[in-house]
Amino acid sequence: MIRREMPAIMSGVLTLKEKKYVTPHYIRIVLTGDEIANFKDAKVGDNNKIAIPKSKDVVLNSGSLQQRESVKENFYIRTYTLRALDWEQGEMVVDFVAHGDEGPASSWAIHAEVGDKLGVMMKVKNKALFPEEANRYFLFGDHTAVPVVSVMLEKLPVEAKGEVFLEVFDESDILDLEAPKGIKVNWLLNSKPGQQSSLFTKLSQLNLAAKDFVFAACEHGFANQMQSHLREQEILERKDWQVYAYWKYGVSEDASSVDRKSIRA
């Protein structure tokens, strides 16, 4: 039996330096601290895990984050996109979706104050966000995927062509994103994420061709539809599309982990 090596984990406790609402539903958190040096192999756009203590009795430090067997027991672990990393300023940026106090991460971001601590963990990855030489790029994301799609748009080749579909709560959440001139960014409004979505419809209306690239990240049910569609069409090679279930409607990140992982990029 071949055993896969566990990927190296970068971890550290960082301090909230700045917090601002970039839209009514997106909070930009800027983190800093000496332990940011632990993330020297991090890449903007990769997932990171934030760790929030479940009680005031839980000690948050580098040592407690490295105790894998007790991390899930003592911390709420949630997944976010590394939005930016500024080594000169010693800053890490993470954008949080603000959806009230029902989720531990949203609640933390809403109530956090400058000086508060946050645990961060990341796997060392070598996987690229997208192929460099696709014919066209088609990116799809609901409100949870706006940060990663934003990063992808900033990193796409300047000559890239294609189209982006981003679904947000309402017009107040529309952002002015940096993107190549050949990429059209479409904003879709959805006041009931998880219950409805037009992302699958937009995908099904595309006339895809060989060597196009498709990326989609959204709620589990809609991600499943999109993945099935791409498989059934058999137009794109498997390496030319990625679909991720970032969340599952009505189910916590912990409880939906198995279902979401069944949809593999």
C-alpha atoms as a PDB file:
ATOM      1  CA  MET A   1       0.000   0.000   0.000  1.00  0.00           C
ATOM      2  CA  ILE A   2       1.389   3.384  -1.042  1.00  0.00           C
ATOM      3  CA  ARG A   3       1.141   6.051   1.622  1.00  0.00           C
ATOM      4  CA  ARG A   4       0.860   9.638   0.537  1.00  0.00           C
ATOM      5  CA  GLU A   5       3.048  12.106   2.330  1.00  0.00           C
ATOM      6  CA  MET A   6       1.116  14.641   4.357  1.00  0.00           C
ATOM      7  CA  PRO A   7       1.667  18.135   2.941  1.00  0.00           C
ATOM      8  CA  ALA A   8       3.683  20.497   5.094  1.00  0.00           C
ATOM      9  CA  ILE A   9       1.562  22.836   7.196  1.00  0.00           C
ATOM     10  CA  MET A  10       2.437  26.488   7.710  1.00  0.00           C
ATOM     11  CA  SER A  11       0.866  27.995  10.816  1.00  0.00           C
ATOM     12  CA  GLY A  12       1.048  31.045  13.010  1.00  0.00           C
ATOM     13  CA  VAL A  13      -0.874  33.430  15.238  1.00  0.00           C
ATOM     14  CA  LEU A  14      -1.366  36.825  13.633  1.00  0.00           C
ATOM     15  CA  THR A  15      -2.724  40.137  14.900  1.00  0.00           C
ATOM     16  CA  LEU A  16      -5.535  42.196  13.409  1.00  0.00           C
ATOM     17  CA  LYS A  17      -3.945  45.369  12.046  1.00  0.00           C
ATOM     18  CA  GLU A  18      -6.807  46.813  10.018  1.00  0.00           C
ATOM     19  CA  LYS A  19     -10.451  46.029   9.335  1.00  0.00           C
ATOM     20  CA  LYS A  20     -12.810  47.601   6.835  1.00  0.00           C
ATOM     21  CA  TYR A  21     -16.046  46.834   5.041  1.00  0.00           C
ATOM     22  CA  VAL A  22     -15.293  46.845   1.314  1.00  0.00           C
ATOM     23  CA  THR A  23     -19.033  46.250   0.726  1.00  0.00           C
ATOM     24  CA  PRO A  24     -21.921  45.643   3.161  1.00  0.00           C
ATOM     25  CA  HIS A  25     -21.242  41.884   3.043  1.00  0.00           C
ATOM     26  CA  TYR A  26     -17.444  41.748   2.693  1.00  0.00           C
ATOM     27  CA  ILE A  27     -15.041  42.556   5.508  1.00  0.00           C
ATOM     28  CA  ARG A  28     -11.365  42.949   4.656  1.00  0.00           C
ATOM     29  CA  ILE A  29      -9.117  41.759   7.472  1.00  0.00           C
ATOM     30  CA  VAL A  30      -5.451  42.765   7.420  1.00  0.00           C
ATOM     31  CA  LEU A  31      -3.240  40.609   9.649  1.00  0.00           C
ATOM     32  CA  THR A  32       0.335  41.124  10.750  1.00  0.00           C
ATOM     33  CA  GLY A  33       2.875  39.846  13.270  1.00  0.00           C
ATOM     34  CA  ASP A  34       6.259  38.162  13.540  1.00  0.00           C
ATOM     35  CA  GLU A  35       4.810  34.763  12.676  1.00  0.00           C
ATOM     36  CA  ILE A  36       3.824  35.932   9.210  1.00  0.00           C
ATOM     37  CA  ALA A  37       7.343  34.775   8.315  1.00  0.00           C
ATOM     38  CA  ASN A  38       6.055  31.213   8.788  1.00  0.00           C
ATOM     39  CA  PHE A  39       4.092  31.618   5.548  1.00  0.00           C
ATOM     40  CA  LYS A  40       7.066  32.170   3.241  1.00  0.00           C
ATOM     41  CA  ASP A  41       5.828  29.422   0.888  1.00  0.00           C
ATOM     42  CA  ALA A  42       2.246  30.712   0.739  1.00  0.00           C
ATOM     43  CA  LYS A  43       0.724  31.736  -2.577  1.00  0.00           C
ATOM     44  CA  VAL A  44      -1.975  34.359  -3.011  1.00  0.00           C
ATOM     45  CA  GLY A  45      -5.200  32.627  -4.022  1.00  0.00           C
ATOM     46  CA  ASP A  46      -4.529  29.470  -2.008  1.00  0.00           C
ATOM     47  CA  ASN A  47      -6.904  28.353   0.722  1.00  0.00           C
ATOM     48  CA  ASN A  48      -6.033  29.037   4.309  1.00  0.00           C
ATOM     49  CA  LYS A  49      -7.629  27.747   7.469  1.00  0.00           C
ATOM     50  CA  ILE A  50      -8.428  30.207  10.209  1.00  0.00           C
ATOM     51  CA  ALA A  51      -8.625  28.975  13.793  1.00  0.00           C
ATOM     52  CA  ILE A  52     -10.972  30.605  16.302  1.00  0.00           C
ATOM     53  CA  PRO A  53     -10.940  29.303  19.906  1.00  0.00           C
ATOM     54  CA  LYS A  54     -14.217  27.656  20.945  1.00  0.00           C
ATOM     55  CA  SER A  55     -13.924  29.069  24.445  1.00  0.00           C
ATOM     56  CA  LYS A  56     -11.917  31.603  26.415  1.00  0.00           C
ATOM     57  CA  ASP A  57     -10.096  28.713  28.095  1.00  0.00           C
ATOM     58  CA  VAL A  58      -8.470  27.591  24.832  1.00  0.00           C
ATOM     59  CA  VAL A  59      -4.896  28.797  24.427  1.00  0.00           C
ATOM     60  CA  LEU A  60      -4.145  30.232  20.988  1.00  0.00           C
ATOM     61  CA  ASN A  61      -0.460  30.025  20.108  1.00  0.00           C
ATOM     62  CA  SER A  62       1.830  28.373  17.573  1.00  0.00           C
ATOM     63  CA  GLY A  63       2.100  25.268  19.717  1.00  0.00           C
ATOM     64  CA  SER A  64      -1.654  24.727  20.011  1.00  0.00           C
ATOM     65  CA  LEU A  65      -2.088  25.090  16.242  1.00  0.00           C
ATOM     66  CA  GLN A  66       0.475  22.369  15.603  1.00  0.00           C
ATOM     67  CA  GLN A  67      -1.322  19.795  17.760  1.00  0.00           C
ATOM     68  CA  ARG A  68      -3.354  18.279  14.946  1.00  0.00           C
ATOM     69  CA  GLU A  69      -5.275  15.853  17.139  1.00  0.00           C
ATOM     70  CA  SER A  70      -6.740  18.635  19.289  1.00  0.00           C
ATOM     71  CA  VAL A  71      -7.094  21.517  16.824  1.00  0.00           C
ATOM     72  CA  LYS A  72     -10.604  20.557  15.689  1.00  0.00           C
ATOM     73  CA  GLU A  73     -11.622  19.868  19.277  1.00  0.00           C
ATOM     74  CA  ASN A  74     -10.534  23.270  20.557  1.00  0.00           C
ATOM     75  CA  PHE A  75     -10.981  25.575  17.561  1.00  0.00           C
ATOM     76  CA  TYR A  76     -13.560  26.463  14.966  1.00  0.00           C
ATOM     77  CA  ILE A  77     -11.736  25.867  11.685  1.00  0.00           C
ATOM     78  CA  ARG A  78     -12.991  27.686   8.607  1.00  0.00           C
ATOM     79  CA  THR A  79     -11.596  27.979   5.085  1.00  0.00           C
ATOM     80  CA  TYR A  80     -10.841  31.263   3.339  1.00  0.00           C
ATOM     81  CA  THR A  81      -8.810  32.548   0.399  1.00  0.00           C
ATOM     82  CA  LEU A  82      -5.474  34.258   0.890  1.00  0.00           C
ATOM     83  CA  ARG A  83      -6.434  37.520  -0.818  1.00  0.00           C
ATOM     84  CA  ALA A  84      -3.074  39.286  -0.633  1.00  0.00           C
ATOM     85  CA  LEU A  85       0.366  38.983   0.952  1.00  0.00           C
ATOM     86  CA  ASP A  86       2.645  42.008   1.311  1.00  0.00           C
ATOM     87  CA  TRP A  87       6.087  41.035   2.557  1.00  0.00           C
ATOM     88  CA  GLU A  88       7.368  44.624   2.681  1.00  0.00           C
ATOM     89  CA  GLN A  89       4.560  45.657   5.001  1.00  0.00           C
ATOM     90  CA  GLY A  90       4.403  42.269   6.710  1.00  0.00           C
ATOM     91  CA  GLU A  91       0.685  41.926   5.982  1.00  0.00           C
ATOM     92  CA  MET A  92      -1.706  39.116   5.090  1.00  0.00           C
ATOM     93  CA  VAL A  93      -5.157  39.983   3.742  1.00  0.00           C
ATOM     94  CA  VAL A  94      -8.269  37.817   4.051  1.00  0.00           C
ATOM     95  CA  ASP A  95     -11.765  38.855   2.928  1.00  0.00           C
ATOM     96  CA  PHE A  96     -14.628  37.540   5.080  1.00  0.00           C
ATOM     97  CA  VAL A  97     -18.268  37.226   4.034  1.00  0.00           C
ATOM     98  CA  ALA A  98     -20.371  38.927   6.701  1.00  0.00           C
ATOM     99  CA  HIS A  99     -23.597  36.982   7.221  1.00  0.00           C
ATOM    100  CA  GLY A 100     -24.422  37.682  10.840  1.00  0.00           C
ATOM    101  CA  ASP A 101     -23.470  35.880  14.028  1.00  0.00           C
ATOM    102  CA  GLU A 102     -24.674  32.389  13.096  1.00  0.00           C
ATOM    103  CA  GLY A 103     -21.232  31.359  11.854  1.00  0.00           C
ATOM    104  CA  PRO A 104     -18.097  31.598  14.041  1.00  0.00           C
ATOM    105  CA  ALA A 105     -15.925  33.163  11.323  1.00  0.00           C
ATOM    106  CA  SER A 106     -18.482  35.762  10.278  1.00  0.00           C
ATOM    107  CA  SER A 107     -19.152  36.577  13.930  1.00  0.00           C
ATOM    108  CA  TRP A 108     -15.428  36.945  14.629  1.00  0.00           C
ATOM    109  CA  ALA A 109     -14.913  39.281  11.675  1.00  0.00           C
ATOM    110  CA  ILE A 110     -17.916  41.434  12.556  1.00  0.00           C
ATOM    111  CA  HIS A 111     -16.869  41.899  16.179  1.00  0.00           C
ATOM    112  CA  ALA A 112     -13.071  41.785  15.839  1.00  0.00           C
ATOM    113  CA  GLU A 113     -11.042  44.789  16.924  1.00  0.00           C
ATOM    114  CA  VAL A 114      -7.528  45.933  16.108  1.00  0.00           C
ATOM    115  CA  GLY A 115      -5.114  43.909  18.233  1.00  0.00           C
ATOM    116  CA  ASP A 116      -7.223  40.744  18.294  1.00  0.00           C
ATOM    117  CA  LYS A 117      -5.464  37.459  17.506  1.00  0.00           C
ATOM    118  CA  LEU A 118      -6.315  34.906  14.827  1.00  0.00           C
ATOM    119  CA  GLY A 119      -4.800  31.507  14.127  1.00  0.00           C
ATOM    120  CA  VAL A 120      -3.925  30.796  10.492  1.00  0.00           C
ATOM    121  CA  MET A 121      -2.884  27.507   8.887  1.00  0.00           C
ATOM    122  CA  MET A 122      -2.004  26.738   5.270  1.00  0.00           C
ATOM    123  CA  LYS A 123      -0.794  23.709   3.345  1.00  0.00           C
ATOM    124  CA  VAL A 124       2.240  24.106   1.122  1.00  0.00           C
ATOM    125  CA  LYS A 125       0.825  23.632  -2.380  1.00  0.00           C
ATOM    126  CA  ASN A 126       2.249  23.562  -5.877  1.00  0.00           C
ATOM    127  CA  LYS A 127      -1.040  23.530  -7.792  1.00  0.00           C
ATOM    128  CA  ALA A 128      -1.585  26.473 -10.155  1.00  0.00           C
ATOM    129  CA  LEU A 129      -4.859  28.412 -10.015  1.00  0.00           C
ATOM    130  CA  PHE A 130      -5.304  28.112 -13.778  1.00  0.00           C
ATOM    131  CA  PRO A 131      -3.441  27.034 -16.937  1.00  0.00           C
ATOM    132  CA  GLU A 132      -1.367  29.799 -18.488  1.00  0.00           C
ATOM    133  CA  GLU A 133      -2.266  29.052 -22.105  1.00  0.00           C
ATOM    134  CA  ALA A 134      -6.002  28.391 -22.231  1.00  0.00           C
ATOM    135  CA  ASN A 135      -7.984  29.417 -25.303  1.00  0.00           C
ATOM    136  CA  ARG A 136     -10.603  31.223 -23.191  1.00  0.00           C
ATOM    137  CA  TYR A 137     -11.218  31.501 -19.450  1.00  0.00           C
ATOM    138  CA  PHE A 138     -14.680  31.108 -17.926  1.00  0.00           C
ATOM    139  CA  LEU A 139     -14.859  31.715 -14.178  1.00  0.00           C
ATOM    140  CA  PHE A 140     -17.952  31.199 -12.022  1.00  0.00           C
ATOM    141  CA  GLY A 141     -18.412  31.994  -8.353  1.00  0.00           C
ATOM    142  CA  ASP A 142     -21.079  32.731  -5.796  1.00  0.00           C
ATOM    143  CA  HIS A 143     -20.566  35.204  -2.946  1.00  0.00           C
ATOM    144  CA  THR A 144     -18.088  32.893  -1.193  1.00  0.00           C
ATOM    145  CA  ALA A 145     -15.829  32.694  -4.249  1.00  0.00           C
ATOM    146  CA  VAL A 146     -15.487  36.414  -5.001  1.00  0.00           C
ATOM    147  CA  PRO A 147     -12.058  36.599  -3.275  1.00  0.00           C
ATOM    148  CA  VAL A 148     -10.487  33.707  -5.202  1.00  0.00           C
ATOM    149  CA  VAL A 149     -11.953  34.819  -8.539  1.00  0.00           C
ATOM    150  CA  SER A 150     -10.663  38.333  -7.826  1.00  0.00           C
ATOM    151  CA  VAL A 151      -7.161  36.922  -7.352  1.00  0.00           C
ATOM    152  CA  MET A 152      -7.429  34.875 -10.541  1.00  0.00           C
ATOM    153  CA  LEU A 153      -8.469  37.942 -12.537  1.00  0.00           C
ATOM    154  CA  GLU A 154      -5.457  39.846 -11.231  1.00  0.00           C
ATOM    155  CA  LYS A 155      -3.132  37.011 -12.216  1.00  0.00           C
ATOM    156  CA  LEU A 156      -4.517  36.064 -15.639  1.00  0.00           C
ATOM    157  CA  PRO A 157      -2.294  36.786 -18.650  1.00  0.00           C
ATOM    158  CA  VAL A 158      -2.851  40.318 -19.948  1.00  0.00           C
ATOM    159  CA  GLU A 159      -3.981  38.920 -23.310  1.00  0.00           C
ATOM    160  CA  ALA A 160      -6.515  36.529 -21.730  1.00  0.00           C
ATOM    161  CA  LYS A 161     -10.030  36.364 -23.169  1.00  0.00           C
ATOM    162  CA  GLY A 162     -13.183  35.011 -21.631  1.00  0.00           C
ATOM    163  CA  GLU A 163     -16.033  35.755 -19.285  1.00  0.00           C
ATOM    164  CA  VAL A 164     -16.700  35.811 -15.547  1.00  0.00           C
ATOM    165  CA  PHE A 165     -19.978  35.322 -13.686  1.00  0.00           C
ATOM    166  CA  LEU A 166     -20.078  36.369 -10.035  1.00  0.00           C
ATOM    167  CA  GLU A 167     -23.178  36.067  -7.886  1.00  0.00           C
ATOM    168  CA  VAL A 168     -23.609  38.447  -4.929  1.00  0.00           C
ATOM    169  CA  PHE A 169     -26.418  39.443  -2.565  1.00  0.00           C
ATOM    170  CA  ASP A 170     -27.300  42.779  -4.174  1.00  0.00           C
ATOM    171  CA  GLU A 171     -25.899  45.736  -6.127  1.00  0.00           C
ATOM    172  CA  SER A 172     -24.099  47.123  -3.071  1.00  0.00           C
ATOM    173  CA  ASP A 173     -21.733  44.115  -3.163  1.00  0.00           C
ATOM    174  CA  ILE A 174     -20.536  44.710  -6.724  1.00  0.00           C
ATOM    175  CA  LEU A 175     -16.794  45.428  -6.747  1.00  0.00           C
ATOM    176  CA  ASP A 176     -14.567  47.201  -9.236  1.00  0.00           C
ATOM    177  CA  LEU A 177     -12.252  44.313 -10.071  1.00  0.00           C
ATOM    178  CA  GLU A 178      -8.941  44.432 -11.894  1.00  0.00           C
ATOM    179  CA  ALA A 179      -9.151  42.216 -14.993  1.00  0.00           C
ATOM    180  CA  PRO A 180      -7.612  41.855 -18.464  1.00  0.00           C
ATOM    181  CA  LYS A 181      -9.414  43.876 -21.158  1.00  0.00           C
ATOM    182  CA  GLY A 182     -10.481  40.698 -22.924  1.00  0.00           C
ATOM    183  CA  ILE A 183     -12.358  39.387 -19.887  1.00  0.00           C
ATOM    184  CA  LYS A 184     -15.986  40.435 -19.432  1.00  0.00           C
ATOM    185  CA  VAL A 185     -17.118  40.470 -15.794  1.00  0.00           C
ATOM    186  CA  ASN A 186     -20.845  39.855 -15.207  1.00  0.00           C
ATOM    187  CA  TRP A 187     -22.468  40.448 -11.830  1.00  0.00           C
ATOM    188  CA  LEU A 188     -25.532  38.394 -10.946  1.00  0.00           C
ATOM    189  CA  LEU A 189     -27.796  39.309  -8.023  1.00  0.00           C
ATOM    190  CA  ASN A 190     -29.057  36.588  -5.706  1.00  0.00           C
ATOM    191  CA  SER A 191     -30.751  37.416  -2.416  1.00  0.00           C
ATOM    192  CA  LYS A 192     -31.207  33.722  -1.554  1.00  0.00           C
ATOM    193  CA  PRO A 193     -27.819  32.027  -1.984  1.00  0.00           C
ATOM    194  CA  GLY A 194     -27.982  28.282  -1.534  1.00  0.00           C
ATOM    195  CA  GLN A 195     -31.679  28.203  -2.368  1.00  0.00           C
ATOM    196  CA  GLN A 196     -31.322  29.503  -5.901  1.00  0.00           C
ATOM    197  CA  SER A 197     -28.544  30.326  -8.357  1.00  0.00           C
ATOM    198  CA  SER A 198     -28.192  31.200 -12.041  1.00  0.00           C
ATOM    199  CA  LEU A 199     -24.567  30.038 -12.302  1.00  0.00           C
ATOM    200  CA  PHE A 200     -25.447  26.637 -13.755  1.00  0.00           C
ATOM    201  CA  THR A 201     -27.718  28.256 -16.337  1.00  0.00           C
ATOM    202  CA  LYS A 202     -24.919  30.583 -17.421  1.00  0.00           C
ATOM    203  CA  LEU A 203     -22.527  27.646 -17.748  1.00  0.00           C
ATOM    204  CA  SER A 204     -24.998  25.563 -19.756  1.00  0.00           C
ATOM    205  CA  GLN A 205     -25.473  28.436 -22.220  1.00  0.00           C
ATOM    206  CA  LEU A 206     -21.778  28.622 -23.120  1.00  0.00           C
ATOM    207  CA  ASN A 207     -20.467  27.247 -26.385  1.00  0.00           C
ATOM    208  CA  LEU A 208     -17.328  25.683 -24.987  1.00  0.00           C
ATOM    209  CA  ALA A 209     -14.475  24.596 -27.204  1.00  0.00           C
ATOM    210  CA  ALA A 210     -11.350  22.519 -26.742  1.00  0.00           C
ATOM    211  CA  LYS A 211      -8.635  24.182 -24.656  1.00  0.00           C
ATOM    212  CA  ASP A 212     -11.081  26.518 -22.913  1.00  0.00           C
ATOM    213  CA  PHE A 213     -10.739  26.594 -19.122  1.00  0.00           C
ATOM    214  CA  VAL A 214     -13.630  26.570 -16.644  1.00  0.00           C
ATOM    215  CA  PHE A 215     -13.400  27.317 -12.931  1.00  0.00           C
ATOM    216  CA  ALA A 216     -16.425  27.229 -10.639  1.00  0.00           C
ATOM    217  CA  ALA A 217     -16.787  27.552  -6.868  1.00  0.00           C
ATOM    218  CA  CYS A 218     -20.155  27.749  -5.177  1.00  0.00           C
ATOM    219  CA  GLU A 219     -22.705  25.908  -3.021  1.00  0.00           C
ATOM    220  CA  HIS A 220     -22.555  22.092  -3.045  1.00  0.00           C
ATOM    221  CA  GLY A 221     -25.801  21.421  -4.918  1.00  0.00           C
ATOM    222  CA  PHE A 222     -25.049  23.840  -7.734  1.00  0.00           C
ATOM    223  CA  ALA A 223     -21.412  22.753  -7.914  1.00  0.00           C
ATOM    224  CA  ASN A 224     -22.631  19.183  -8.371  1.00  0.00           C
ATOM    225  CA  GLN A 225     -24.823  20.282 -11.296  1.00  0.00           C
ATOM    226  CA  MET A 226     -21.957  22.130 -12.937  1.00  0.00           C
ATOM    227  CA  GLN A 227     -19.550  19.246 -12.514  1.00  0.00           C
ATOM    228  CA  SER A 228     -22.043  16.775 -13.992  1.00  0.00           C
ATOM    229  CA  HIS A 229     -22.648  19.074 -16.964  1.00  0.00           C
ATOM    230  CA  LEU A 230     -18.944  19.369 -17.763  1.00  0.00           C
ATOM    231  CA  ARG A 231     -18.457  15.620 -17.494  1.00  0.00           C
ATOM    232  CA  GLU A 232     -21.436  14.808 -19.695  1.00  0.00           C
ATOM    233  CA  GLN A 233     -20.475  17.280 -22.415  1.00  0.00           C
ATOM    234  CA  GLU A 234     -17.006  15.765 -22.802  1.00  0.00           C
ATOM    235  CA  ILE A 235     -15.814  18.880 -24.630  1.00  0.00           C
ATOM    236  CA  LEU A 236     -13.043  19.811 -22.227  1.00  0.00           C
ATOM    237  CA  GLU A 237     -10.261  17.533 -21.100  1.00  0.00           C
ATOM    238  CA  ARG A 238     -10.428  16.830 -17.368  1.00  0.00           C
ATOM    239  CA  LYS A 239      -7.392  19.016 -16.705  1.00  0.00           C
ATOM    240  CA  ASP A 240      -9.193  22.007 -18.239  1.00  0.00           C
ATOM    241  CA  TRP A 241     -11.922  22.449 -15.648  1.00  0.00           C
ATOM    242  CA  GLN A 242     -12.122  22.779 -11.883  1.00  0.00           C
ATOM    243  CA  VAL A 243     -15.286  22.741  -9.785  1.00  0.00           C
ATOM    244  CA  TYR A 244     -15.327  23.253  -6.018  1.00  0.00           C
ATOM    245  CA  ALA A 245     -18.119  23.070  -3.447  1.00  0.00           C
ATOM    246  CA  TYR A 246     -17.194  25.822  -0.997  1.00  0.00           C
ATOM    247  CA  TRP A 247     -20.209  25.254   1.249  1.00  0.00           C
ATOM    248  CA  LYS A 248     -23.464  23.344   1.611  1.00  0.00           C
ATOM    249  CA  TYR A 249     -26.750  25.098   2.257  1.00  0.00           C
ATOM    250  CA  GLY A 250     -28.041  24.641   5.798  1.00  0.00           C
ATOM    251  CA  VAL A 251     -25.004  22.628   6.928  1.00  0.00           C
ATOM    252  CA  SER A 252     -21.871  23.795   8.762  1.00  0.00           C
ATOM    253  CA  GLU A 253     -18.426  23.505   7.188  1.00  0.00           C
ATOM    254  CA  ASP A 254     -17.517  20.697   9.593  1.00  0.00           C
ATOM    255  CA  ALA A 255     -20.679  18.670   8.958  1.00  0.00           C
ATOM    256  CA  SER A 256     -20.568  19.118   5.174  1.00  0.00           C
ATOM    257  CA  SER A 257     -16.899  18.240   4.734  1.00  0.00           C
ATOM    258  CA  VAL A 258     -17.435  14.750   3.296  1.00  0.00           C
ATOM    259  CA  ASP A 259     -20.120  15.885   0.844  1.00  0.00           C
ATOM    260  CA  ARG A 260     -18.095  18.852  -0.366  1.00  0.00           C
ATOM    261  CA  LYS A 261     -14.972  16.756  -0.868  1.00  0.00           C
ATOM    262  CA  SER A 262     -16.976  14.402  -3.087  1.00  0.00           C
ATOM    263  CA  ILE A 263     -16.832  17.201  -5.650  1.00  0.00           C
ATOM    264  CA  ARG A 264     -13.190  17.233  -6.584  1.00  0.00           C
ATOM    265  CA  ALA A 265     -11.515  19.770  -8.815  1.00  0.00           C
END
